[in-house]
């Protein structure tokens, strides 16, 4: 059985998830120790991570749309060849 290769977006998502988990645990520890957390830092971290995930989602949908269009054009070419072959018979 061949092992599946990790894609770049998969690696980025795993790193992002681990980072956010560690960040949340650190913020909980800071809250327990001091009674507060740096709100601006939390806002910025989650904004950047959300923006990164949004951009990766946009890239993925754009790639899928382009690939779908490519398949559609190939199908049209195949249909055209089949129609020409049936007309010639």
PDB file of N, CA and C in Angstrom:
ATOM      1  N   UNK A   1       0.837  -1.185   0.000  1.00  0.00           N
ATOM      2  CA  UNK A   1       0.000   0.000   0.000  1.00  0.00           C
ATOM      3  C   UNK A   1       0.882   1.248   0.000  1.00  0.00           C
ATOM      4  N   UNK A   2       0.636   2.140  -0.946  1.00  0.00           N
ATOM      5  CA  UNK A   2       1.458   3.335  -1.081  1.00  0.00           C
ATOM      6  C   UNK A   2       0.955   4.425  -0.139  1.00  0.00           C
ATOM      7  N   UNK A   3       1.896   5.082   0.501  1.00  0.00           N
ATOM      8  CA  UNK A   3       1.557   6.144   1.446  1.00  0.00           C
ATOM      9  C   UNK A   3       1.247   7.424   0.691  1.00  0.00           C
ATOM     10  N   UNK A   4       0.184   8.103   1.136  1.00  0.00           N
ATOM     11  CA  UNK A   4      -0.227   9.329   0.468  1.00  0.00           C
ATOM     12  C   UNK A   4       0.707  10.474   0.854  1.00  0.00           C
ATOM     13  N   UNK A   5       1.050  11.307  -0.118  1.00  0.00           N
ATOM     14  CA  UNK A   5       1.937  12.433   0.115  1.00  0.00           C
ATOM     15  C   UNK A   5       1.168  13.602   0.717  1.00  0.00           C
ATOM     16  N   UNK A   6       1.779  14.293   1.661  1.00  0.00           N
ATOM     17  CA  UNK A   6       1.151  15.466   2.279  1.00  0.00           C
ATOM     18  C   UNK A   6       1.257  16.643   1.327  1.00  0.00           C
ATOM     19  N   UNK A   7       0.149  17.343   1.162  1.00  0.00           N
ATOM     20  CA  UNK A   7       0.150  18.533   0.325  1.00  0.00           C
ATOM     21  C   UNK A   7       0.490  19.741   1.184  1.00  0.00           C
ATOM     22  N   UNK A   8       0.906  20.816   0.551  1.00  0.00           N
ATOM     23  CA  UNK A   8       1.351  22.014   1.265  1.00  0.00           C
ATOM     24  C   UNK A   8       0.254  22.587   2.145  1.00  0.00           C
ATOM     25  N   UNK A   9      -0.968  22.663   1.623  1.00  0.00           N
ATOM     26  CA  UNK A   9      -2.067  23.226   2.408  1.00  0.00           C
ATOM     27  C   UNK A   9      -2.374  22.369   3.633  1.00  0.00           C
ATOM     28  N   UNK A  10      -2.234  21.050   3.504  1.00  0.00           N
ATOM     29  CA  UNK A  10      -2.461  20.170   4.644  1.00  0.00           C
ATOM     30  C   UNK A  10      -1.441  20.444   5.749  1.00  0.00           C
ATOM     31  N   UNK A  11      -0.193  20.614   5.352  1.00  0.00           N
ATOM     32  CA  UNK A  11       0.872  20.895   6.323  1.00  0.00           C
ATOM     33  C   UNK A  11       0.617  22.236   7.011  1.00  0.00           C
ATOM     34  N   UNK A  12       0.238  23.241   6.235  1.00  0.00           N
ATOM     35  CA  UNK A  12      -0.032  24.563   6.807  1.00  0.00           C
ATOM     36  C   UNK A  12      -1.192  24.493   7.791  1.00  0.00           C
ATOM     37  N   UNK A  13      -2.244  23.763   7.450  1.00  0.00           N
ATOM     38  CA  UNK A  13      -3.393  23.645   8.347  1.00  0.00           C
ATOM     39  C   UNK A  13      -3.030  22.929   9.644  1.00  0.00           C
ATOM     40  N   UNK A  14      -2.201  21.902   9.571  1.00  0.00           N
ATOM     41  CA  UNK A  14      -1.774  21.201  10.779  1.00  0.00           C
ATOM     42  C   UNK A  14      -0.930  22.123  11.656  1.00  0.00           C
ATOM     43  N   UNK A  15       0.001  22.841  11.047  1.00  0.00           N
ATOM     44  CA  UNK A  15       0.839  23.781  11.803  1.00  0.00           C
ATOM     45  C   UNK A  15      -0.027  24.866  12.433  1.00  0.00           C
ATOM     46  N   UNK A  16      -0.983  25.377  11.700  1.00  0.00           N
ATOM     47  CA  UNK A  16      -1.885  26.410  12.203  1.00  0.00           C
ATOM     48  C   UNK A  16      -2.709  25.898  13.379  1.00  0.00           C
ATOM     49  N   UNK A  17      -3.219  24.673  13.274  1.00  0.00           N
ATOM     50  CA  UNK A  17      -4.009  24.090  14.359  1.00  0.00           C
ATOM     51  C   UNK A  17      -3.165  23.900  15.617  1.00  0.00           C
ATOM     52  N   UNK A  18      -1.949  23.407  15.454  1.00  0.00           N
ATOM     53  CA  UNK A  18      -1.056  23.220  16.606  1.00  0.00           C
ATOM     54  C   UNK A  18      -0.720  24.569  17.233  1.00  0.00           C
ATOM     55  N   UNK A  19      -0.417  25.562  16.403  1.00  0.00           N
ATOM     56  CA  UNK A  19      -0.105  26.897  16.907  1.00  0.00           C
ATOM     57  C   UNK A  19      -1.277  27.469  17.709  1.00  0.00           C
ATOM     58  N   UNK A  20      -2.495  27.358  17.164  1.00  0.00           N
ATOM     59  CA  UNK A  20      -3.659  27.901  17.865  1.00  0.00           C
ATOM     60  C   UNK A  20      -3.924  27.161  19.175  1.00  0.00           C
ATOM     61  N   UNK A  21      -3.722  25.855  19.183  1.00  0.00           N
ATOM     62  CA  UNK A  21      -3.900  25.087  20.407  1.00  0.00           C
ATOM     63  C   UNK A  21      -2.913  25.543  21.484  1.00  0.00           C
ATOM     64  N   UNK A  22      -1.654  25.688  21.108  1.00  0.00           N
ATOM     65  CA  UNK A  22      -0.635  26.154  22.055  1.00  0.00           C
ATOM     66  C   UNK A  22      -0.941  27.582  22.501  1.00  0.00           C
ATOM     67  N   UNK A  23      -1.382  28.424  21.576  1.00  0.00           N
ATOM     68  CA  UNK A  23      -1.704  29.816  21.907  1.00  0.00           C
ATOM     69  C   UNK A  23      -2.854  29.891  22.908  1.00  0.00           C
ATOM     70  N   UNK A  24      -3.898  29.112  22.675  1.00  0.00           N
ATOM     71  CA  UNK A  24      -5.050  29.127  23.586  1.00  0.00           C
ATOM     72  C   UNK A  24      -4.644  28.618  24.971  1.00  0.00           C
ATOM     73  N   UNK A  25      -3.863  27.564  25.021  1.00  0.00           N
ATOM     74  CA  UNK A  25      -3.397  27.048  26.315  1.00  0.00           C
ATOM     75  C   UNK A  25      -2.557  28.098  27.035  1.00  0.00           C
ATOM     76  N   UNK A  26      -1.689  28.788  26.298  1.00  0.00           N
ATOM     77  CA  UNK A  26      -0.866  29.844  26.901  1.00  0.00           C
ATOM     78  C   UNK A  26      -1.742  30.990  27.412  1.00  0.00           C
ATOM     79  N   UNK A  27      -2.771  31.357  26.657  1.00  0.00           N
ATOM     80  CA  UNK A  27      -3.664  32.437  27.099  1.00  0.00           C
ATOM     81  C   UNK A  27      -4.462  32.026  28.343  1.00  0.00           C
ATOM     82  N   UNK A  28      -4.854  30.757  28.421  1.00  0.00           N
ATOM     83  CA  UNK A  28      -5.548  30.274  29.620  1.00  0.00           C
ATOM     84  C   UNK A  28      -4.612  30.328  30.821  1.00  0.00           C
ATOM     85  N   UNK A  29      -3.357  29.928  30.623  1.00  0.00           N
ATOM     86  CA  UNK A  29      -2.376  29.975  31.710  1.00  0.00           C
ATOM     87  C   UNK A  29      -2.143  31.421  32.165  1.00  0.00           C
ATOM     88  N   UNK A  30      -2.041  32.340  31.218  1.00  0.00           N
ATOM     89  CA  UNK A  30      -1.862  33.759  31.564  1.00  0.00           C
ATOM     90  C   UNK A  30      -3.085  34.277  32.311  1.00  0.00           C
ATOM     91  N   UNK A  31      -4.265  33.865  31.876  1.00  0.00           N
ATOM     92  CA  UNK A  31      -5.491  34.313  32.539  1.00  0.00           C
ATOM     93  C   UNK A  31      -5.561  33.798  33.978  1.00  0.00           C
ATOM     94  N   UNK A  32      -5.194  32.544  34.179  1.00  0.00           N
ATOM     95  CA  UNK A  32      -5.210  31.975  35.532  1.00  0.00           C
ATOM     96  C   UNK A  32      -4.209  32.699  36.430  1.00  0.00           C
ATOM     97  N   UNK A  33      -3.051  33.039  35.882  1.00  0.00           N
ATOM     98  CA  UNK A  33      -1.994  33.673  36.688  1.00  0.00           C
ATOM     99  C   UNK A  33      -2.290  35.147  36.955  1.00  0.00           C
ATOM    100  N   UNK A  34      -2.760  35.881  35.954  1.00  0.00           N
ATOM    101  CA  UNK A  34      -2.893  37.336  36.098  1.00  0.00           C
ATOM    102  C   UNK A  34      -4.338  37.818  36.190  1.00  0.00           C
ATOM    103  N   UNK A  35      -5.282  37.024  35.752  1.00  0.00           N
ATOM    104  CA  UNK A  35      -6.670  37.464  35.768  1.00  0.00           C
ATOM    105  C   UNK A  35      -7.088  38.205  34.511  1.00  0.00           C
ATOM    106  N   UNK A  36      -6.221  38.273  33.527  1.00  0.00           N
ATOM    107  CA  UNK A  36      -6.536  38.949  32.263  1.00  0.00           C
ATOM    108  C   UNK A  36      -5.639  38.445  31.157  1.00  0.00           C
ATOM    109  N   UNK A  37      -6.027  38.771  29.929  1.00  0.00           N
ATOM    110  CA  UNK A  37      -5.214  38.394  28.772  1.00  0.00           C
ATOM    111  C   UNK A  37      -5.039  39.620  27.880  1.00  0.00           C
ATOM    112  N   UNK A  38      -3.999  39.622  27.066  1.00  0.00           N
ATOM    113  CA  UNK A  38      -3.814  40.741  26.125  1.00  0.00           C
ATOM    114  C   UNK A  38      -4.827  40.638  24.971  1.00  0.00           C
ATOM    115  N   UNK A  39      -5.879  41.433  25.066  1.00  0.00           N
ATOM    116  CA  UNK A  39      -6.973  41.359  24.091  1.00  0.00           C
ATOM    117  C   UNK A  39      -6.530  41.677  22.673  1.00  0.00           C
ATOM    118  N   UNK A  40      -5.671  42.674  22.522  1.00  0.00           N
ATOM    119  CA  UNK A  40      -5.210  43.052  21.185  1.00  0.00           C
ATOM    120  C   UNK A  40      -4.424  41.921  20.538  1.00  0.00           C
ATOM    121  N   UNK A  41      -3.584  41.262  21.313  1.00  0.00           N
ATOM    122  CA  UNK A  41      -2.808  40.135  20.795  1.00  0.00           C
ATOM    123  C   UNK A  41      -3.737  39.009  20.346  1.00  0.00           C
ATOM    124  N   UNK A  42      -4.717  38.682  21.160  1.00  0.00           N
ATOM    125  CA  UNK A  42      -5.674  37.621  20.793  1.00  0.00           C
ATOM    126  C   UNK A  42      -6.419  37.978  19.515  1.00  0.00           C
ATOM    127  N   UNK A  43      -6.869  39.212  19.428  1.00  0.00           N
ATOM    128  CA  UNK A  43      -7.591  39.654  18.236  1.00  0.00           C
ATOM    129  C   UNK A  43      -6.714  39.547  17.000  1.00  0.00           C
ATOM    130  N   UNK A  44      -5.489  40.004  17.103  1.00  0.00           N
ATOM    131  CA  UNK A  44      -4.573  39.969  15.954  1.00  0.00           C
ATOM    132  C   UNK A  44      -4.231  38.535  15.547  1.00  0.00           C
ATOM    133  N   UNK A  45      -3.962  37.661  16.522  1.00  0.00           N
ATOM    134  CA  UNK A  45      -3.597  36.280  16.207  1.00  0.00           C
ATOM    135  C   UNK A  45      -4.745  35.579  15.488  1.00  0.00           C
ATOM    136  N   UNK A  46      -5.953  35.713  16.022  1.00  0.00           N
ATOM    137  CA  UNK A  46      -7.079  35.036  15.388  1.00  0.00           C
ATOM    138  C   UNK A  46      -7.452  35.676  14.052  1.00  0.00           C
ATOM    139  N   UNK A  47      -7.215  36.967  13.904  1.00  0.00           N
ATOM    140  CA  UNK A  47      -7.461  37.620  12.608  1.00  0.00           C
ATOM    141  C   UNK A  47      -6.496  37.108  11.544  1.00  0.00           C
ATOM    142  N   UNK A  48      -5.239  37.020  11.904  1.00  0.00           N
ATOM    143  CA  UNK A  48      -4.232  36.535  10.950  1.00  0.00           C
ATOM    144  C   UNK A  48      -4.500  35.079  10.580  1.00  0.00           C
ATOM    145  N   UNK A  49      -4.796  34.255  11.575  1.00  0.00           N
ATOM    146  CA  UNK A  49      -5.067  32.837  11.294  1.00  0.00           C
ATOM    147  C   UNK A  49      -6.337  32.680  10.451  1.00  0.00           C
ATOM    148  N   UNK A  50      -7.361  33.456  10.764  1.00  0.00           N
ATOM    149  CA  UNK A  50      -8.580  33.412   9.961  1.00  0.00           C
ATOM    150  C   UNK A  50      -8.341  33.895   8.549  1.00  0.00           C
ATOM    151  N   UNK A  51      -7.537  34.935   8.404  1.00  0.00           N
ATOM    152  CA  UNK A  51      -7.195  35.431   7.069  1.00  0.00           C
ATOM    153  C   UNK A  51      -6.416  34.405   6.270  1.00  0.00           C
ATOM    154  N   UNK A  52      -5.496  33.726   6.918  1.00  0.00           N
ATOM    155  CA  UNK A  52      -4.709  32.692   6.244  1.00  0.00           C
ATOM    156  C   UNK A  52      -5.604  31.553   5.764  1.00  0.00           C
ATOM    157  N   UNK A  53      -6.507  31.119   6.629  1.00  0.00           N
ATOM    158  CA  UNK A  53      -7.441  30.046   6.242  1.00  0.00           C
ATOM    159  C   UNK A  53      -8.368  30.511   5.121  1.00  0.00           C
ATOM    160  N   UNK A  54      -8.784  31.768   5.162  1.00  0.00           N
ATOM    161  CA  UNK A  54      -9.628  32.315   4.107  1.00  0.00           C
ATOM    162  C   UNK A  54      -8.923  32.349   2.767  1.00  0.00           C
ATOM    163  N   UNK A  55      -7.665  32.763   2.778  1.00  0.00           N
ATOM    164  CA  UNK A  55      -6.881  32.806   1.537  1.00  0.00           C
ATOM    165  C   UNK A  55      -6.664  31.398   0.992  1.00  0.00           C
ATOM    166  N   UNK A  56      -6.369  30.441   1.881  1.00  0.00           N
ATOM    167  CA  UNK A  56      -6.175  29.069   1.414  1.00  0.00           C
ATOM    168  C   UNK A  56      -7.475  28.500   0.844  1.00  0.00           C
ATOM    169  N   UNK A  57      -8.613  28.842   1.444  1.00  0.00           N
ATOM    170  CA  UNK A  57      -9.898  28.419   0.902  1.00  0.00           C
ATOM    171  C   UNK A  57     -10.157  29.013  -0.467  1.00  0.00           C
ATOM    172  N   UNK A  58      -9.809  30.292  -0.633  1.00  0.00           N
ATOM    173  CA  UNK A  58      -9.968  30.957  -1.928  1.00  0.00           C
ATOM    174  C   UNK A  58      -9.092  30.287  -2.992  1.00  0.00           C
ATOM    175  N   UNK A  59      -7.849  29.980  -2.622  1.00  0.00           N
ATOM    176  CA  UNK A  59      -6.934  29.310  -3.551  1.00  0.00           C
ATOM    177  C   UNK A  59      -7.499  27.952  -3.954  1.00  0.00           C
ATOM    178  N   UNK A  60      -8.002  27.198  -2.981  1.00  0.00           N
ATOM    179  CA  UNK A  60      -8.538  25.859  -3.254  1.00  0.00           C
ATOM    180  C   UNK A  60      -9.741  25.928  -4.183  1.00  0.00           C
ATOM    181  N   UNK A  61     -10.671  26.846  -3.929  1.00  0.00           N
ATOM    182  CA  UNK A  61     -11.856  26.936  -4.794  1.00  0.00           C
ATOM    183  C   UNK A  61     -11.486  27.409  -6.194  1.00  0.00           C
ATOM    184  N   UNK A  62     -10.502  28.296  -6.293  1.00  0.00           N
ATOM    185  CA  UNK A  62     -10.056  28.758  -7.603  1.00  0.00           C
ATOM    186  C   UNK A  62      -9.431  27.614  -8.388  1.00  0.00           C
ATOM    187  N   UNK A  63      -8.605  26.798  -7.726  1.00  0.00           N
ATOM    188  CA  UNK A  63      -8.004  25.642  -8.394  1.00  0.00           C
ATOM    189  C   UNK A  63      -9.074  24.658  -8.841  1.00  0.00           C
ATOM    190  N   UNK A  64     -10.043  24.395  -7.969  1.00  0.00           N
ATOM    191  CA  UNK A  64     -11.119  23.463  -8.321  1.00  0.00           C
ATOM    192  C   UNK A  64     -11.935  23.985  -9.492  1.00  0.00           C
ATOM    193  N   UNK A  65     -12.226  25.282  -9.484  1.00  0.00           N
ATOM    194  CA  UNK A  65     -13.004  25.874 -10.577  1.00  0.00           C
ATOM    195  C   UNK A  65     -12.232  25.771 -11.888  1.00  0.00           C
ATOM    196  N   UNK A  66     -10.926  26.044 -11.839  1.00  0.00           N
ATOM    197  CA  UNK A  66     -10.097  25.965 -13.043  1.00  0.00           C
ATOM    198  C   UNK A  66     -10.045  24.525 -13.559  1.00  0.00           C
ATOM    199  N   UNK A  67      -9.896  23.565 -12.646  1.00  0.00           N
ATOM    200  CA  UNK A  67      -9.831  22.163 -13.039  1.00  0.00           C
ATOM    201  C   UNK A  67     -11.166  21.707 -13.614  1.00  0.00           C
ATOM    202  N   UNK A  68     -12.258  22.161 -13.006  1.00  0.00           N
ATOM    203  CA  UNK A  68     -13.584  21.815 -13.514  1.00  0.00           C
ATOM    204  C   UNK A  68     -13.777  22.368 -14.925  1.00  0.00           C
ATOM    205  N   UNK A  69     -13.327  23.585 -15.157  1.00  0.00           N
ATOM    206  CA  UNK A  69     -13.424  24.203 -16.486  1.00  0.00           C
ATOM    207  C   UNK A  69     -12.593  23.414 -17.500  1.00  0.00           C
ATOM    208  N   UNK A  70     -11.412  22.967 -17.071  1.00  0.00           N
ATOM    209  CA  UNK A  70     -10.547  22.189 -17.959  1.00  0.00           C
ATOM    210  C   UNK A  70     -11.241  20.883 -18.344  1.00  0.00           C
ATOM    211  N   UNK A  71     -11.866  20.209 -17.388  1.00  0.00           N
ATOM    212  CA  UNK A  71     -12.591  18.973 -17.689  1.00  0.00           C
ATOM    213  C   UNK A  71     -13.758  19.236 -18.634  1.00  0.00           C
ATOM    214  N   UNK A  72     -14.433  20.353 -18.434  1.00  0.00           N
ATOM    215  CA  UNK A  72     -15.560  20.697 -19.297  1.00  0.00           C
ATOM    216  C   UNK A  72     -15.099  20.889 -20.739  1.00  0.00           C
ATOM    217  N   UNK A  73     -13.977  21.578 -20.930  1.00  0.00           N
ATOM    218  CA  UNK A  73     -13.453  21.787 -22.282  1.00  0.00           C
ATOM    219  C   UNK A  73     -13.022  20.469 -22.920  1.00  0.00           C
ATOM    220  N   UNK A  74     -12.404  19.585 -22.118  1.00  0.00           N
ATOM    221  CA  UNK A  74     -12.010  18.280 -22.652  1.00  0.00           C
ATOM    222  C   UNK A  74     -13.244  17.470 -23.051  1.00  0.00           C
ATOM    223  N   UNK A  75     -14.299  17.541 -22.245  1.00  0.00           N
ATOM    224  CA  UNK A  75     -15.535  16.832 -22.579  1.00  0.00           C
ATOM    225  C   UNK A  75     -16.145  17.359 -23.874  1.00  0.00           C
ATOM    226  N   UNK A  76     -16.105  18.657 -24.064  1.00  0.00           N
ATOM    227  CA  UNK A  76     -16.636  19.241 -25.305  1.00  0.00           C
ATOM    228  C   UNK A  76     -15.857  18.739 -26.513  1.00  0.00           C
ATOM    229  N   UNK A  77     -14.524  18.694 -26.381  1.00  0.00           N
ATOM    230  CA  UNK A  77     -13.692  18.199 -27.484  1.00  0.00           C
ATOM    231  C   UNK A  77     -14.021  16.741 -27.794  1.00  0.00           C
ATOM    232  N   UNK A  78     -14.178  15.935 -26.760  1.00  0.00           N
ATOM    233  CA  UNK A  78     -14.505  14.522 -26.956  1.00  0.00           C
ATOM    234  C   UNK A  78     -15.870  14.373 -27.619  1.00  0.00           C
ATOM    235  N   UNK A  79     -16.847  15.142 -27.144  1.00  0.00           N
ATOM    236  CA  UNK A  79     -18.188  15.090 -27.744  1.00  0.00           C
ATOM    237  C   UNK A  79     -18.150  15.514 -29.213  1.00  0.00           C
ATOM    238  N   UNK A  80     -17.343  16.525 -29.521  1.00  0.00           N
ATOM    239  CA  UNK A  80     -17.233  17.007 -30.891  1.00  0.00           C
ATOM    240  C   UNK A  80     -16.638  15.923 -31.796  1.00  0.00           C
ATOM    241  N   UNK A  81     -15.610  15.223 -31.315  1.00  0.00           N
ATOM    242  CA  UNK A  81     -14.993  14.147 -32.093  1.00  0.00           C
ATOM    243  C   UNK A  81     -15.975  13.007 -32.324  1.00  0.00           C
ATOM    244  N   UNK A  82     -16.736  12.668 -31.290  1.00  0.00           N
ATOM    245  CA  UNK A  82     -17.717  11.598 -31.423  1.00  0.00           C
ATOM    246  C   UNK A  82     -18.789  11.963 -32.434  1.00  0.00           C
ATOM    247  N   UNK A  83     -19.245  13.203 -32.393  1.00  0.00           N
ATOM    248  CA  UNK A  83     -20.267  13.668 -33.351  1.00  0.00           C
ATOM    249  C   UNK A  83     -19.735  13.628 -34.772  1.00  0.00           C
ATOM    250  N   UNK A  84     -18.482  14.024 -34.968  1.00  0.00           N
ATOM    251  CA  UNK A  84     -17.878  13.993 -36.298  1.00  0.00           C
ATOM    252  C   UNK A  84     -17.746  12.568 -36.801  1.00  0.00           C
ATOM    253  N   UNK A  85     -17.380  11.641 -35.914  1.00  0.00           N
ATOM    254  CA  UNK A  85     -17.225  10.242 -36.312  1.00  0.00           C
ATOM    255  C   UNK A  85     -18.560   9.629 -36.696  1.00  0.00           C
ATOM    256  N   UNK A  86     -19.620   9.956 -35.958  1.00  0.00           N
ATOM    257  CA  UNK A  86     -20.937   9.398 -36.291  1.00  0.00           C
ATOM    258  C   UNK A  86     -21.484   9.996 -37.573  1.00  0.00           C
ATOM    259  N   UNK A  87     -21.158  11.242 -37.877  1.00  0.00           N
ATOM    260  CA  UNK A  87     -21.609  11.863 -39.117  1.00  0.00           C
ATOM    261  C   UNK A  87     -20.898  11.265 -40.324  1.00  0.00           C
ATOM    262  N   UNK A  88     -19.636  10.880 -40.152  1.00  0.00           N
ATOM    263  CA  UNK A  88     -18.855  10.329 -41.255  1.00  0.00           C
ATOM    264  C   UNK A  88     -19.238   8.887 -41.576  1.00  0.00           C
ATOM    265  N   UNK A  89     -19.904   8.216 -40.669  1.00  0.00           N
ATOM    266  CA  UNK A  89     -20.264   6.803 -40.906  1.00  0.00           C
ATOM    267  C   UNK A  89     -21.459   6.644 -41.751  1.00  0.00           C
TER     268      UNK A  89
END
